[in-house]
C-alpha atoms as a PDB file:
ATOM      1  CA  MET A   1      13.118   9.016   3.508  1.00  0.00           C
ATOM      2  CA  LEU A   2      13.625  11.067   0.408  1.00  0.00           C
ATOM      3  CA  GLU A   3      17.551  10.805   0.696  1.00  0.00           C
ATOM      4  CA  TYR A   4      17.702   7.644   2.413  1.00  0.00           C
ATOM      5  CA  CYS A   5      15.401   5.139   1.456  1.00  0.00           C
ATOM      6  CA  ASP A   6      14.969   3.627  -2.069  1.00  0.00           C
ATOM      7  CA  VAL A   7      11.756   1.854  -1.350  1.00  0.00           C
ATOM      8  CA  THR A   8       9.096   3.552   1.616  1.00  0.00           C
ATOM      9  CA  PHE A   9       5.840   1.694   2.387  1.00  0.00           C
ATOM     10  CA  MET A  10       3.257   4.057   3.450  1.00  0.00           C
ATOM     11  CA  MET A  11       1.101   3.035   6.869  1.00  0.00           C
ATOM     12  CA  ASP A  12      -0.943   5.144   8.813  1.00  0.00           C
ATOM     13  CA  ASN A  13      -2.588   4.645  11.942  1.00  0.00           C
ATOM     14  CA  GLU A  14      -5.895   6.007  11.426  1.00  0.00           C
ATOM     15  CA  ALA A  15      -6.669   3.447   8.331  1.00  0.00           C
ATOM     16  CA  ILE A  16      -5.108   0.472  10.604  1.00  0.00           C
ATOM     17  CA  TYR A  17      -7.638   1.301  12.776  1.00  0.00           C
ATOM     18  CA  ASP A  18     -10.312   1.751  10.956  1.00  0.00           C
ATOM     19  CA  ILE A  19      -9.337  -2.382   9.557  1.00  0.00           C
ATOM     20  CA  CYS A  20      -9.471  -3.430  12.750  1.00  0.00           C
ATOM     21  CA  ARG A  21     -12.704  -2.226  13.716  1.00  0.00           C
ATOM     22  CA  ARG A  22     -14.471  -2.500  10.473  1.00  0.00           C
ATOM     23  CA  ASN A  23     -13.318  -6.381   9.629  1.00  0.00           C
ATOM     24  CA  LEU A  24     -12.229  -7.494  12.732  1.00  0.00           C
ATOM     25  CA  LEU A  25     -15.320  -6.145  15.340  1.00  0.00           C
ATOM     26  CA  LEU A  26     -12.755  -4.585  17.600  1.00  0.00           C
ATOM     27  CA  GLU A  27     -14.410  -1.738  19.352  1.00  0.00           C
ATOM     28  CA  LYS A  28     -11.183  -0.356  20.652  1.00  0.00           C
ATOM     29  CA  PRO A  29      -8.132  -1.748  18.934  1.00  0.00           C
ATOM     30  CA  THR A  30      -4.930  -1.843  20.701  1.00  0.00           C
ATOM     31  CA  TYR A  31      -1.212  -1.321  18.992  1.00  0.00           C
ATOM     32  CA  LEU A  32      -1.110  -5.166  19.824  1.00  0.00           C
ATOM     33  CA  ASN A  33      -4.072  -5.536  16.872  1.00  0.00           C
ATOM     34  CA  LEU A  34      -2.333  -3.193  14.978  1.00  0.00           C
ATOM     35  CA  ASN A  35       1.367  -4.255  14.992  1.00  0.00           C
ATOM     36  CA  ARG A  36      -0.089  -7.933  14.346  1.00  0.00           C
ATOM     37  CA  LEU A  37      -1.913  -7.003  11.090  1.00  0.00           C
ATOM     38  CA  ILE A  38       1.196  -4.835   9.960  1.00  0.00           C
ATOM     39  CA  ALA A  39       3.615  -7.993  10.868  1.00  0.00           C
ATOM     40  CA  GLN A  40       0.802 -10.161   8.042  1.00  0.00           C
ATOM     41  CA  ILE A  41       2.037  -7.789   5.409  1.00  0.00           C
ATOM     42  CA  VAL A  42       6.043  -7.713   6.180  1.00  0.00           C
ATOM     43  CA  SER A  43       5.766 -11.511   6.340  1.00  0.00           C
ATOM     44  CA  SER A  44       3.982 -11.681   3.130  1.00  0.00           C
ATOM     45  CA  LEU A  45       6.416  -9.568   1.633  1.00  0.00           C
ATOM     46  CA  THR A  46       9.688 -11.730   2.608  1.00  0.00           C
ATOM     47  CA  ALA A  47       7.623 -15.179   2.226  1.00  0.00           C
ATOM     48  CA  SER A  48      10.060 -15.946  -0.556  1.00  0.00           C
ATOM     49  CA  LEU A  49      13.323 -15.488   1.308  1.00  0.00           C
ATOM     50  CA  ARG A  50      12.347 -18.217   3.987  1.00  0.00           C
ATOM     51  CA  PHE A  51       9.667 -20.925   1.703  1.00  0.00           C
ATOM     52  CA  SER A  52      10.021 -22.016  -1.675  1.00  0.00           C
ATOM     53  CA  GLY A  53       7.646 -20.875  -4.268  1.00  0.00           C
ATOM     54  CA  SER A  54       6.413 -21.420  -8.353  1.00  0.00           C
ATOM     55  CA  LEU A  55       7.335 -17.999  -8.317  1.00  0.00           C
ATOM     56  CA  ASN A  56       9.628 -16.078  -5.564  1.00  0.00           C
ATOM     57  CA  VAL A  57       9.932 -12.444  -5.916  1.00  0.00           C
ATOM     58  CA  ASP A  58      13.322 -10.920  -4.169  1.00  0.00           C
ATOM     59  CA  VAL A  59      12.802  -8.378  -2.129  1.00  0.00           C
ATOM     60  CA  LYS A  60      15.424  -6.460  -4.490  1.00  0.00           C
ATOM     61  CA  GLU A  61      12.814  -6.539  -7.147  1.00  0.00           C
ATOM     62  CA  PHE A  62      10.311  -4.533  -5.359  1.00  0.00           C
ATOM     63  CA  GLN A  63      12.454  -1.773  -6.398  1.00  0.00           C
ATOM     64  CA  THR A  64      13.186  -2.523 -10.118  1.00  0.00           C
ATOM     65  CA  ASN A  65       9.818  -2.915 -10.517  1.00  0.00           C
ATOM     66  CA  LEU A  66       7.610  -0.667  -8.712  1.00  0.00           C
ATOM     67  CA  VAL A  67      10.032   2.072  -8.831  1.00  0.00           C
ATOM     68  CA  PRO A  68      10.295   4.212 -12.264  1.00  0.00           C
ATOM     69  CA  TYR A  69      12.091   7.263 -10.801  1.00  0.00           C
ATOM     70  CA  PRO A  70      14.248   7.580  -7.883  1.00  0.00           C
ATOM     71  CA  ARG A  71      11.842   9.871  -5.580  1.00  0.00           C
ATOM     72  CA  ILE A  72       8.137   8.218  -6.836  1.00  0.00           C
ATOM     73  CA  HIS A  73       8.856   5.354  -4.155  1.00  0.00           C
ATOM     74  CA  PHE A  74       6.144   5.417  -1.480  1.00  0.00           C
ATOM     75  CA  LEU A  75       4.077   2.661  -1.835  1.00  0.00           C
ATOM     76  CA  LEU A  76       0.553   2.461  -0.986  1.00  0.00           C
ATOM     77  CA  ALA A  77       0.071  -1.537   0.665  1.00  0.00           C
ATOM     78  CA  SER A  78      -3.139  -3.560   1.466  1.00  0.00           C
ATOM     79  CA  TYR A  79      -3.483  -7.129   2.710  1.00  0.00           C
ATOM     80  CA  ALA A  80      -6.426  -9.793   2.073  1.00  0.00           C
ATOM     81  CA  PRO A  81      -8.163 -11.734   3.442  1.00  0.00           C
ATOM     82  CA  ILE A  82      -8.857  -9.308   6.961  1.00  0.00           C
ATOM     83  CA  HIS A  83     -11.529 -10.774   8.933  1.00  0.00           C
ATOM     84  CA  ASP A  84     -12.312 -11.508  12.271  1.00  0.00           C
ATOM     85  CA  SER A  85     -11.813 -15.378  13.962  1.00  0.00           C
ATOM     86  CA  ALA A  86     -15.240 -16.706  13.610  1.00  0.00           C
ATOM     87  CA  PHE A  87     -15.003 -16.200   9.451  1.00  0.00           C
ATOM     88  CA  SER A  88     -12.605 -19.209   8.662  1.00  0.00           C
ATOM     89  CA  SER A  89     -15.868 -21.698   9.732  1.00  0.00           C
ATOM     90  CA  TYR A  90     -18.110 -20.285   6.868  1.00  0.00           C
ATOM     91  CA  SER A  91     -16.098 -19.534   3.787  1.00  0.00           C
ATOM     92  CA  GLU A  92     -12.976 -19.752   2.115  1.00  0.00           C
ATOM     93  CA  ASN A  93     -11.967 -16.815   0.057  1.00  0.00           C
ATOM     94  CA  THR A  94     -10.742 -17.662  -3.767  1.00  0.00           C
ATOM     95  CA  VAL A  95      -7.933 -15.979  -5.770  1.00  0.00           C
ATOM     96  CA  SER A  96     -10.264 -13.303  -6.921  1.00  0.00           C
ATOM     97  CA  GLN A  97     -11.828 -12.654  -4.149  1.00  0.00           C
ATOM     98  CA  MET A  98      -8.602 -12.019  -2.319  1.00  0.00           C
ATOM     99  CA  THR A  99      -7.169  -9.957  -5.755  1.00  0.00           C
ATOM    100  CA  ARG A 100     -10.093  -7.378  -5.814  1.00  0.00           C
ATOM    101  CA  ALA A 101      -9.874  -7.147  -2.042  1.00  0.00           C
ATOM    102  CA  CYS A 102      -6.702  -5.693  -2.129  1.00  0.00           C
ATOM    103  CA  PHE A 103      -7.672  -3.262  -4.638  1.00  0.00           C
ATOM    104  CA  GLU A 104     -10.429  -2.228  -2.249  1.00  0.00           C
ATOM    105  CA  GLU A 105     -10.345   1.126  -0.176  1.00  0.00           C
ATOM    106  CA  SER A 106     -11.015  -0.436   2.953  1.00  0.00           C
ATOM    107  CA  ASN A 107      -8.140  -2.775   2.685  1.00  0.00           C
ATOM    108  CA  MET A 108      -5.731  -0.290   2.267  1.00  0.00           C
ATOM    109  CA  PHE A 109      -3.080   0.659   5.295  1.00  0.00           C
ATOM    110  CA  ALA A 110      -3.113   4.227   4.608  1.00  0.00           C
ATOM    111  CA  LYS A 111      -5.982   6.971   3.758  1.00  0.00           C
ATOM    112  CA  CYS A 112      -6.012   7.824   0.395  1.00  0.00           C
ATOM    113  CA  GLN A 113      -8.742   7.261  -2.396  1.00  0.00           C
ATOM    114  CA  PRO A 114      -6.752   4.587  -5.364  1.00  0.00           C
ATOM    115  CA  SER A 115      -9.704   5.485  -7.665  1.00  0.00           C
ATOM    116  CA  HIS A 116      -8.585   9.391  -7.707  1.00  0.00           C
ATOM    117  CA  GLY A 117      -5.268   8.520  -8.947  1.00  0.00           C
ATOM    118  CA  LYS A 118      -3.645   6.039 -11.287  1.00  0.00           C
ATOM    119  CA  TYR A 119      -1.749   2.950 -11.165  1.00  0.00           C
ATOM    120  CA  ILE A 120       2.040   3.261 -12.027  1.00  0.00           C
ATOM    121  CA  SER A 121       2.992  -0.645 -10.893  1.00  0.00           C
ATOM    122  CA  VAL A 122       1.401  -3.185  -9.041  1.00  0.00           C
ATOM    123  CA  CYS A 123       3.296  -6.255  -7.367  1.00  0.00           C
ATOM    124  CA  LEU A 124       0.777  -8.856  -5.964  1.00  0.00           C
ATOM    125  CA  MET A 125       2.418 -11.670  -3.422  1.00  0.00           C
ATOM    126  CA  TYR A 126       0.329 -14.490  -2.778  1.00  0.00           C
ATOM    127  CA  ARG A 127       0.810 -17.503  -0.561  1.00  0.00           C
ATOM    128  CA  GLY A 128      -0.762 -20.741   0.606  1.00  0.00           C
ATOM    129  CA  ASP A 129      -2.792 -23.044  -2.012  1.00  0.00           C
ATOM    130  CA  ILE A 130      -2.628 -20.924  -5.276  1.00  0.00           C
ATOM    131  CA  VAL A 131      -2.388 -21.741  -8.883  1.00  0.00           C
ATOM    132  CA  PRO A 132      -1.088 -19.386 -11.470  1.00  0.00           C
ATOM    133  CA  LYS A 133      -3.668 -19.734 -13.524  1.00  0.00           C
ATOM    134  CA  ASP A 134      -5.935 -18.542 -11.576  1.00  0.00           C
ATOM    135  CA  VAL A 135      -3.950 -15.849 -10.266  1.00  0.00           C
ATOM    136  CA  SER A 136      -3.573 -14.995 -14.871  1.00  0.00           C
ATOM    137  CA  ALA A 137      -7.468 -15.222 -14.805  1.00  0.00           C
ATOM    138  CA  ALA A 138      -7.765 -12.277 -12.063  1.00  0.00           C
ATOM    139  CA  ILE A 139      -5.430  -9.992 -12.895  1.00  0.00           C
ATOM    140  CA  ALA A 140      -7.022 -10.429 -16.198  1.00  0.00           C
ATOM    141  CA  GLU A 141     -10.477  -9.393 -14.084  1.00  0.00           C
ATOM    142  CA  MET A 142      -8.256  -6.287 -12.653  1.00  0.00           C
ATOM    143  CA  LYS A 143      -7.600  -5.104 -15.964  1.00  0.00           C
ATOM    144  CA  THR A 144     -11.332  -4.692 -17.377  1.00  0.00           C
ATOM    145  CA  MET A 145     -12.133  -2.854 -14.420  1.00  0.00           C
ATOM    146  CA  ARG A 146     -12.890   0.478 -14.472  1.00  0.00           C
ATOM    147  CA  SER A 147     -11.908   2.028 -11.191  1.00  0.00           C
ATOM    148  CA  ILE A 148      -8.748   0.559 -11.658  1.00  0.00           C
ATOM    149  CA  SER A 149      -6.918   2.280 -13.965  1.00  0.00           C
ATOM    150  CA  PHE A 150      -2.794   2.893 -15.086  1.00  0.00           C
ATOM    151  CA  VAL A 151      -0.305   5.041 -16.621  1.00  0.00           C
ATOM    152  CA  ASP A 152      -0.401   4.535 -20.099  1.00  0.00           C
ATOM    153  CA  TRP A 153       3.339   4.330 -20.579  1.00  0.00           C
ATOM    154  CA  CYS A 154       3.316   1.320 -18.257  1.00  0.00           C
ATOM    155  CA  PRO A 155       0.265  -0.650 -19.132  1.00  0.00           C
ATOM    156  CA  THR A 156       1.211  -3.825 -17.755  1.00  0.00           C
ATOM    157  CA  GLY A 157       1.840  -2.826 -14.363  1.00  0.00           C
ATOM    158  CA  PHE A 158       1.820  -6.391 -12.393  1.00  0.00           C
ATOM    159  CA  LYS A 159       4.227  -8.216 -10.562  1.00  0.00           C
ATOM    160  CA  VAL A 160       3.437 -11.178  -9.195  1.00  0.00           C
ATOM    161  CA  GLY A 161       4.887 -13.413  -6.406  1.00  0.00           C
ATOM    162  CA  ILE A 162       3.543 -16.988  -5.030  1.00  0.00           C
ATOM    163  CA  SER A 163       5.034 -18.964  -1.840  1.00  0.00           C
ATOM    164  CA  ALA A 164       3.354 -22.608  -1.089  1.00  0.00           C
ATOM    165  CA  GLN A 165       3.947 -21.210   2.577  1.00  0.00           C
ATOM    166  CA  PRO A 166       0.506 -20.627   4.358  1.00  0.00           C
ATOM    167  CA  PRO A 167       0.002 -17.376   5.829  1.00  0.00           C
ATOM    168  CA  GLY A 168       0.943 -18.002   9.744  1.00  0.00           C
ATOM    169  CA  HIS A 169      -1.673 -18.004  12.871  1.00  0.00           C
ATOM    170  CA  VAL A 170      -1.609 -16.257  16.109  1.00  0.00           C
ATOM    171  CA  PRO A 171      -3.548 -18.931  18.328  1.00  0.00           C
ATOM    172  CA  ASP A 172      -6.084 -16.832  20.311  1.00  0.00           C
ATOM    173  CA  GLY A 173      -5.798 -14.162  17.841  1.00  0.00           C
ATOM    174  CA  ASP A 174      -7.893 -11.408  16.087  1.00  0.00           C
ATOM    175  CA  LEU A 175      -7.539 -12.749  12.150  1.00  0.00           C
ATOM    176  CA  SER A 176      -9.132 -16.000  10.811  1.00  0.00           C
ATOM    177  CA  ARG A 177      -6.934 -19.331  10.017  1.00  0.00           C
ATOM    178  CA  SER A 178      -6.907 -18.820   6.488  1.00  0.00           C
ATOM    179  CA  THR A 179      -4.396 -21.540   3.886  1.00  0.00           C
ATOM    180  CA  ARG A 180      -4.052 -18.255   1.307  1.00  0.00           C
ATOM    181  CA  ALA A 181      -3.770 -14.878   1.682  1.00  0.00           C
ATOM    182  CA  CYS A 182      -2.208 -11.926  -0.491  1.00  0.00           C
ATOM    183  CA  ALA A 183       0.167  -8.973  -0.164  1.00  0.00           C
ATOM    184  CA  MET A 184      -0.517  -5.640  -2.175  1.00  0.00           C
ATOM    185  CA  LEU A 185       2.329  -2.756  -2.721  1.00  0.00           C
ATOM    186  CA  ALA A 186       0.943  -0.359  -5.267  1.00  0.00           C
ATOM    187  CA  ASN A 187       3.009   2.527  -6.422  1.00  0.00           C
ATOM    188  CA  THR A 188      -0.237   4.947  -7.403  1.00  0.00           C
ATOM    189  CA  THR A 189      -0.390   9.018  -7.714  1.00  0.00           C
ATOM    190  CA  ALA A 190      -2.998   9.073  -5.275  1.00  0.00           C
ATOM    191  CA  ILE A 191      -0.543   8.790  -2.541  1.00  0.00           C
ATOM    192  CA  SER A 192      -0.532  12.208  -2.927  1.00  0.00           C
ATOM    193  CA  GLU A 193      -3.208  12.709  -0.682  1.00  0.00           C
ATOM    194  CA  ILE A 194      -1.172  11.746   2.077  1.00  0.00           C
ATOM    195  CA  PHE A 195       1.387  14.567   1.435  1.00  0.00           C
ATOM    196  CA  ALA A 196      -1.695  16.795   0.718  1.00  0.00           C
ATOM    197  CA  ARG A 197      -2.701  15.788   4.272  1.00  0.00           C
ATOM    198  CA  ILE A 198       0.400  16.225   5.816  1.00  0.00           C
ATOM    199  CA  ASP A 199       0.802  19.565   4.519  1.00  0.00           C
ATOM    200  CA  ALA A 200      -2.295  20.568   5.519  1.00  0.00           C
ATOM    201  CA  LYS A 201      -1.809  19.652   9.039  1.00  0.00           C
ATOM    202  CA  PHE A 202       1.457  20.782   9.399  1.00  0.00           C
ATOM    203  CA  ASP A 203       1.102  24.293   7.744  1.00  0.00           C
ATOM    204  CA  MET A 204      -2.050  24.695  10.789  1.00  0.00           C
ATOM    205  CA  MET A 205       0.709  23.479  13.439  1.00  0.00           C
ATOM    206  CA  TYR A 206       3.710  25.883  12.180  1.00  0.00           C
ATOM    207  CA  ALA A 207       1.445  28.922  11.156  1.00  0.00           C
ATOM    208  CA  LYS A 208       1.281  29.276  15.124  1.00  0.00           C
ATOM    209  CA  ARG A 209       4.820  27.986  15.763  1.00  0.00           C
ATOM    210  CA  ALA A 210       3.201  25.080  17.934  1.00  0.00           C
ATOM    211  CA  PHE A 211       5.830  22.349  19.574  1.00  0.00           C
ATOM    212  CA  VAL A 212       8.510  24.592  17.384  1.00  0.00           C
ATOM    213  CA  HIS A 213      10.613  25.107  20.672  1.00  0.00           C
ATOM    214  CA  TRP A 214      10.935  21.804  21.562  1.00  0.00           C
ATOM    215  CA  TYR A 215      12.896  20.785  18.142  1.00  0.00           C
ATOM    216  CA  VAL A 216      14.888  23.965  18.842  1.00  0.00           C
ATOM    217  CA  GLY A 217      15.875  23.186  22.555  1.00  0.00           C
ATOM    218  CA  GLU A 218      17.509  19.855  20.905  1.00  0.00           C
ATOM    219  CA  GLY A 219      19.734  21.338  18.487  1.00  0.00           C
ATOM    220  CA  MET A 220      17.095  22.206  15.452  1.00  0.00           C
ATOM    221  CA  GLU A 221      17.070  25.084  13.126  1.00  0.00           C
ATOM    222  CA  GLU A 222      13.790  26.602  12.486  1.00  0.00           C
ATOM    223  CA  GLY A 223      14.821  26.938   9.036  1.00  0.00           C
ATOM    224  CA  GLU A 224      15.202  23.148   8.475  1.00  0.00           C
ATOM    225  CA  PHE A 225      11.207  22.956   9.128  1.00  0.00           C
ATOM    226  CA  SER A 226      10.302  24.908   5.828  1.00  0.00           C
ATOM    227  CA  GLU A 227      13.184  22.815   4.063  1.00  0.00           C
ATOM    228  CA  ALA A 228      11.345  19.865   4.874  1.00  0.00           C
ATOM    229  CA  ARG A 229       7.854  21.231   4.028  1.00  0.00           C
ATOM    230  CA  GLU A 230       8.771  22.143   0.781  1.00  0.00           C
ATOM    231  CA  ASN A 231      10.065  18.700  -0.129  1.00  0.00           C
ATOM    232  CA  ILE A 232       7.158  17.347   1.030  1.00  0.00           C
ATOM    233  CA  GLY A 233       5.146  19.707  -1.409  1.00  0.00           C
ATOM    234  CA  ALA A 234       7.425  18.986  -4.194  1.00  0.00           C
ATOM    235  CA  LEU A 235       7.202  15.182  -3.930  1.00  0.00           C
ATOM    236  CA  GLU A 236       3.243  15.851  -4.133  1.00  0.00           C
ATOM    237  CA  ARG A 237       3.703  17.932  -7.102  1.00  0.00           C
ATOM    238  CA  ASP A 238       6.026  15.264  -8.132  1.00  0.00           C
ATOM    239  CA  TYR A 239       3.466  12.807  -8.272  1.00  0.00           C
ATOM    240  CA  GLU A 240       0.475  15.081  -9.649  1.00  0.00           C
ATOM    241  CA  GLU A 241       2.726  15.807 -12.636  1.00  0.00           C
ATOM    242  CA  VAL A 242       2.506  11.954 -13.320  1.00  0.00           C
ATOM    243  CA  GLN A 243      -0.894  11.644 -13.281  1.00  0.00           C
ATOM    244  CA  LEU A 244      -1.712  14.453 -15.494  1.00  0.00           C
ATOM    245  CA  SER A 245       0.917  13.970 -18.414  1.00  0.00           C
ATOM    246  CA  THR A 246      -1.085  10.767 -18.481  1.00  0.00           C
ATOM    247  CA  GLU A 247      -4.335  12.662 -18.998  1.00  0.00           C
ATOM    248  CA  ASN A 248      -3.093  14.975 -21.178  1.00  0.00           C
ATOM    249  CA  GLU A 249      -1.723  12.759 -23.376  1.00  0.00           C
ATOM    250  CA  TYR A 250      -5.741  11.456 -23.809  1.00  0.00           C
ATOM    251  CA  ASP A 251      -6.735  14.382 -24.105  1.00  0.00           C
ATOM    252  CA  ASP A 252      -4.118  15.250 -27.264  1.00  0.00           C
ATOM    253  CA  ASP A 253      -5.370  11.885 -28.735  1.00  0.00           C
ATOM    254  CA  ASP A 254      -8.787  12.599 -28.301  1.00  0.00           C
ATOM    255  CA  MET A 255      -7.982  16.114 -30.427  1.00  0.00           C
END
């Protein structure tokens, strides 16, 4: 993913399982439930290729706007609204509510705490009955929140897409029917927590050489494990350096 991918969307089963249990009230989520949530994000990100809108965003623009450096291309994904099928009869989400929900940790499709890092750039893809004026007001509100901070060298950081086509609804599905939705892709330094977690789990297993024989038996060399570990460790440090450079500049200004 470092050498052969330009943009990578980070998702993990643990985070999506939690969303299914908490938001969709599913006691034992299946892969079908998980895949339906993932499909909503993918559908929203590609909606501009299939439908018209007041502000279309081409898929190529994800890389242009979200990736400041070639290695810093791992993006955090979120989606809103995520409610069980009984919700639609009570309320409809506003643009402001959806935008706030996308920045909440509980709606992230990968386990990390965005408040521990800084956002580099954000892409918000809206679908349905969306007025650009409401989007501008919602983004202005996000910029005033202390829990959301950006690196100082990219103070604007927002790319917006609007598609007039409302989100699809699966009959007898888990999600409530909605006339509007928002999918977010964010490049944030907090994603280094995911790499740190992978490193820790790998170190524990590799110290015991657990499962290594299966890979060696298929033709891998044991040295490739150490090389892969070094690459992930270097990637983790890359994200930390982006955050530290910003914090150090603030410290210098205070002095």
